[in-house]
Every structure is written in structure tokens, then in C-alpha cells.
Amino acid sequence: MKIPLDVRTYNEGLMSYATVHLLMPGKKFHNATIRGIFWPFVDTGSPFTVISQTDAERLHITAFDTPRVILFGGAEQYKYDIKGVVLKVSCEDKHTMYDVSIPNFGVLGPIPNNPKSIPCVIG
């Protein structure tokens, strides 16, 4: 199985990005199940799979638990754990979907006085 990646410039370097389909069974927005697509960069060394606060708002993900402080990209960030998220990526044949769901999915939020940009990451 091969997952197609896009290579883009980020912070003066090149990063590989995946197209990830997100589904939250049981969570509703205007009587529709929350679902959508986001584009995290692939970081195989990261222990986190997270979505930015901007993409969370775009996808109407608002059910946050109490945050915990993590060190992410060299800066402290708030991480809000989200339960029950299904993540899938399209495979090379563009028909097969591969489930990459993990229990450690979350939304990153900035800590006050820390304006660092927060990307989406799949680790």
C-alpha cells in the first residue's frame, strides 16, 4: 500500500503532506455527522497526530476536554484530546481507503503570549 503525498514549502523547507479524511461518528453539526478533509504534514518522528485550531473550527470540531500542555515544534502548546475520531487516507489507487485512526488525536491551541503558528501533523 502506498499513500500519495504532496510536497510543499513550509518555513523555508520542504514538507510532505497527506490528504486525510476525518469522521466523528456520534458528533453532529446541523444534524449532520462531522466529517471533512484536512492536510497534515507527515512527521514519522512525532508522537502526536493533531489538527490546528483553524481546521478544527472549519470542520466544526468544538467538543474539547480540559487541555494539557505539550512541547510541540519547540514551543509549549495546549492539546485538547478528541475521542472517537476516524482518520482515513486514500491509497495510490484512489479507491482504497486506509484507516489510520489512533486514540491520541487532538486539537492544538496556542498558549497565551505564544503566537507561534500551529500546523496539522500526522505522526
Protein backbone atom coordinates (compact mmCIF):
# COMPACT_ATOMS: atom_id res chain seq x y z
CA MET A 1 0.00 0.00 0.00
CA LYS A 2 1.29 3.44 -0.94
CA ILE A 3 -0.17 6.70 0.28
CA PRO A 4 0.27 9.60 -2.14
CA LEU A 5 1.88 12.68 -0.60
CA ASP A 6 2.15 16.29 -1.75
CA VAL A 7 5.42 18.13 -1.16
CA ARG A 8 5.06 21.80 -0.23
CA THR A 9 7.21 24.58 1.19
CA TYR A 10 6.77 25.26 4.91
CA ASN A 11 9.01 27.56 6.99
CA GLU A 12 11.65 27.73 4.25
CA GLY A 13 11.83 23.93 3.95
CA LEU A 14 10.02 21.14 2.14
CA MET A 15 7.38 19.04 3.93
CA SER A 16 5.32 16.08 2.79
CA TYR A 17 1.55 16.38 3.27
CA ALA A 18 -1.18 13.74 3.18
CA THR A 19 -4.87 14.19 2.41
CA VAL A 20 -6.74 12.86 5.45
CA HIS A 21 -10.48 12.23 5.66
CA LEU A 22 -11.90 12.83 9.14
CA LEU A 23 -15.15 11.41 10.51
CA MET A 24 -16.58 11.83 14.01
CA PRO A 25 -19.42 9.32 14.46
CA GLY A 26 -21.91 10.49 17.06
CA LYS A 27 -20.90 14.15 16.80
CA LYS A 28 -23.35 16.35 14.91
CA PHE A 29 -23.35 19.81 13.40
CA HIS A 30 -26.73 20.92 11.96
CA ASN A 31 -27.91 17.26 12.22
CA ALA A 32 -25.07 16.00 10.00
CA THR A 33 -22.19 13.84 11.17
CA ILE A 34 -18.99 15.87 11.42
CA ARG A 35 -16.74 14.98 8.52
CA GLY A 36 -14.25 16.67 6.28
CA ILE A 37 -10.75 16.71 4.86
CA PHE A 38 -7.60 18.25 6.25
CA TRP A 39 -3.98 18.25 5.07
CA PRO A 40 -1.46 17.46 7.83
CA PHE A 41 2.22 17.24 7.19
CA VAL A 42 3.72 13.81 7.78
CA ASP A 43 6.17 13.61 10.68
CA THR A 44 7.03 9.98 11.37
CA GLY A 45 9.03 11.03 14.44
CA SER A 46 6.14 12.85 16.11
CA PRO A 47 4.20 11.13 18.89
CA PHE A 48 1.21 13.34 18.06
CA THR A 49 -1.48 13.44 15.41
CA VAL A 50 -3.11 16.84 15.75
CA ILE A 51 -5.26 19.27 13.85
CA SER A 52 -4.84 23.03 14.01
CA GLN A 53 -7.44 25.15 15.76
CA THR A 54 -8.23 26.81 12.41
CA ASP A 55 -9.01 23.48 10.72
CA ALA A 56 -10.95 22.28 13.79
CA GLU A 57 -13.17 25.36 13.52
CA ARG A 58 -13.59 24.84 9.76
CA LEU A 59 -14.71 21.25 10.40
CA HIS A 60 -16.94 22.28 13.36
CA ILE A 61 -14.96 20.30 15.94
CA THR A 62 -15.72 22.04 19.22
CA ALA A 63 -16.02 19.32 21.90
CA PHE A 64 -12.78 19.92 23.81
CA ASP A 65 -11.70 18.27 27.05
CA THR A 66 -9.51 20.11 29.52
CA PRO A 67 -6.24 20.85 27.71
CA ARG A 68 -2.82 19.68 28.73
CA VAL A 69 0.42 21.47 27.93
CA ILE A 70 2.74 19.70 25.48
CA LEU A 71 6.01 20.64 23.84
CA PHE A 72 5.33 20.77 20.11
CA GLY A 73 7.72 22.13 17.50
CA GLY A 74 9.92 23.63 20.19
CA ALA A 75 7.10 25.58 21.85
CA GLU A 76 4.53 24.87 24.52
CA GLN A 77 1.01 24.39 23.18
CA TYR A 78 -2.35 23.35 24.59
CA LYS A 79 -3.51 19.94 23.36
CA TYR A 80 -7.21 19.13 23.59
CA ASP A 81 -7.81 15.39 23.27
CA ILE A 82 -10.64 14.35 20.96
CA LYS A 83 -12.15 10.87 21.29
CA GLY A 84 -13.84 8.75 18.65
CA VAL A 85 -12.23 10.28 15.57
CA VAL A 86 -11.85 8.11 12.46
CA LEU A 87 -9.00 9.10 10.14
CA LYS A 88 -8.58 7.61 6.68
CA VAL A 89 -6.19 8.24 3.81
CA SER A 90 -6.67 7.47 0.13
CA CYS A 91 -4.25 4.92 -1.24
CA GLU A 92 -2.38 5.10 -4.53
CA ASP A 93 -5.26 3.53 -6.49
CA LYS A 94 -7.54 6.41 -5.33
CA HIS A 95 -10.30 3.89 -4.47
CA THR A 96 -8.97 2.16 -1.36
CA MET A 97 -9.19 3.99 1.96
CA TYR A 98 -6.73 3.00 4.70
CA ASP A 99 -7.73 3.56 8.33
CA VAL A 100 -5.04 5.47 10.26
CA SER A 101 -7.17 6.21 13.33
CA ILE A 102 -5.32 6.47 16.61
CA PRO A 103 -6.52 7.11 20.16
CA ASN A 104 -4.10 10.04 20.63
CA PHE A 105 -5.79 12.54 18.29
CA GLY A 106 -6.21 16.15 19.35
CA VAL A 107 -6.60 19.81 18.58
CA LEU A 108 -3.70 22.18 19.26
CA GLY A 109 -4.32 25.61 20.66
CA PRO A 110 -1.88 28.41 21.44
CA ILE A 111 -0.87 29.27 24.95
CA PRO A 112 -1.40 32.98 25.69
CA ASN A 113 1.60 35.11 24.69
CA ASN A 114 2.81 32.40 22.30
CA PRO A 115 1.83 33.48 18.77
CA LYS A 116 3.59 30.54 17.04
CA SER A 117 1.73 29.18 14.00
CA ILE A 118 0.33 25.70 14.57
CA PRO A 119 0.13 23.23 11.68
CA CYS A 120 -1.74 19.96 11.37
CA VAL A 121 0.54 16.93 11.85
CA ILE A 122 0.13 13.20 11.41
CA GLY A 123 2.73 11.30 13.40
